[in-house]
Protein backbone atom coordinates (compact mmCIF):
# COMPACT_ATOMS: atom_id res chain seq x y z
CA ALA A 1 15.28 7.74 10.80
CA LEU A 2 15.77 4.11 9.83
CA ASP A 3 17.32 2.06 12.60
CA PHE A 4 18.55 -1.14 11.01
CA GLY A 5 19.70 -2.45 14.40
CA SER A 6 16.11 -3.01 15.43
CA ALA A 7 14.92 -4.14 12.02
CA ARG A 8 14.27 -7.69 13.24
CA SER A 9 11.49 -6.44 15.46
CA TRP A 10 9.90 -4.72 12.44
CA ILE A 11 9.55 -7.76 10.22
CA ARG A 12 6.10 -8.83 11.34
CA PRO A 13 4.46 -5.37 11.56
CA VAL A 14 5.98 -4.30 8.23
CA ALA A 15 4.84 -7.53 6.56
CA VAL A 16 1.30 -7.22 7.94
CA ALA A 17 1.01 -3.54 6.96
CA SER A 18 2.35 -4.26 3.46
CA LEU A 19 0.10 -7.28 2.95
CA ILE A 20 -2.94 -5.22 3.86
CA LYS A 21 -1.82 -2.26 1.76
CA PHE A 22 -0.85 -4.20 -1.38
CA GLY A 23 -3.20 -7.17 -1.11
CA LEU A 24 -6.35 -6.48 0.84
CA MET A 25 -6.94 -2.85 -0.14
CA PRO A 26 -6.64 -3.41 -3.91
CA ALA A 27 -8.89 -6.48 -3.66
CA ALA A 28 -11.52 -4.52 -1.73
CA THR A 29 -11.28 -1.70 -4.27
CA ILE A 30 -11.78 -4.10 -7.18
CA LEU A 31 -14.83 -5.60 -5.50
CA ALA A 32 -16.24 -2.14 -4.81
CA CYS A 33 -15.67 -1.09 -8.42
CA LEU A 34 -17.41 -4.20 -9.71
CA ALA A 35 -20.29 -3.82 -7.24
CA MET A 36 -20.86 -0.19 -8.23
CA GLY A 37 -20.30 -0.72 -11.94
CA LEU A 38 -17.29 1.59 -11.98
CA LYS A 39 -15.15 0.99 -15.07
CA GLY A 40 -12.49 2.60 -17.18
CA PRO A 41 -10.22 5.40 -16.00
CA ALA A 42 -12.25 6.01 -12.83
CA ALA A 43 -11.78 2.40 -11.67
CA VAL A 44 -8.09 2.40 -12.55
CA THR A 45 -7.60 5.68 -10.68
CA ALA A 46 -9.35 4.32 -7.58
CA LEU A 47 -7.19 1.21 -7.73
CA LEU A 48 -3.98 3.21 -8.15
CA PHE A 49 -4.74 5.39 -5.16
CA GLN A 50 -5.43 2.34 -2.98
CA THR A 51 -2.17 0.68 -4.06
CA LEU A 52 0.12 3.65 -3.37
CA PRO A 53 2.57 3.27 -0.46
CA THR A 54 1.82 4.89 2.87
CA ALA A 55 2.41 8.64 3.04
CA SER A 56 5.81 9.83 4.20
CA SER A 57 4.05 12.32 6.47
CA SER A 58 2.99 9.36 8.63
CA TYR A 59 6.55 9.22 9.97
CA ILE A 60 6.43 12.88 10.98
CA MET A 61 3.03 12.42 12.56
CA SER A 62 4.19 9.35 14.45
CA ARG A 63 7.22 11.18 15.75
CA GLN A 64 5.27 14.26 16.81
CA LEU A 65 2.56 12.25 18.56
CA GLY A 66 4.95 9.94 20.42
CA GLY A 67 4.38 6.85 18.29
CA ASP A 68 6.91 4.31 17.09
CA ALA A 69 8.68 6.57 14.57
CA PRO A 70 11.45 4.06 13.64
CA LEU A 71 8.81 1.42 12.85
CA MET A 72 6.87 3.93 10.76
CA ALA A 73 10.07 4.82 8.89
CA GLY A 74 10.60 1.12 8.18
CA ILE A 75 7.02 0.67 6.95
CA THR A 76 7.27 3.75 4.74
CA ALA A 77 10.62 2.74 3.23
CA THR A 78 9.57 -0.87 2.65
CA GLN A 79 6.24 0.03 1.09
CA THR A 80 7.87 2.57 -1.20
CA VAL A 81 10.20 -0.12 -2.55
CA ILE A 82 7.40 -2.71 -2.84
CA ALA A 83 5.16 -0.21 -4.67
CA GLY A 84 7.64 -0.10 -7.55
CA ALA A 85 6.71 -3.69 -8.39
CA ALA A 86 3.20 -3.82 -6.93
CA LEU A 87 1.63 -1.01 -8.94
CA PRO A 88 2.31 -2.49 -12.40
CA LEU A 89 1.45 -6.01 -11.21
CA VAL A 90 -1.85 -5.01 -9.65
CA LEU A 91 -2.85 -3.04 -12.74
CA ALA A 92 -1.94 -5.88 -15.10
CA LEU A 93 -3.81 -8.40 -12.95
CA VAL A 94 -6.91 -6.24 -12.75
CA LEU A 95 -6.99 -5.58 -16.46
CA ALA A 96 -6.48 -9.25 -17.24
CA LEU A 97 -9.04 -10.64 -14.79
CA THR A 98 -11.81 -8.08 -14.71
CA GLY A 99 -11.48 -5.87 -17.75
CA ILE A 100 -12.53 -2.83 -15.71
CA GLY A 101 -9.80 -0.76 -17.35
């Protein structure tokens, strides 16, 4: 489903979606955990779930509902690759800065 010929038009939407997914959502989750006093395995689990890449079923849903399926395939593929580095980095950063683990 990936169409590398139109990949240039994906750069901005993929970057924005990935920045929100791997930057904003973990930060919001950390703040929520701190505000609610959530610590330990529960906080780490919440953070892990917020840092996972977008679901592959989003491509199928996009295709079935007439959305931009090639863009969704690009977002899914990119976020899956980024998650390989983002998950350990986010966890290490959280443990180092907040000690909620």
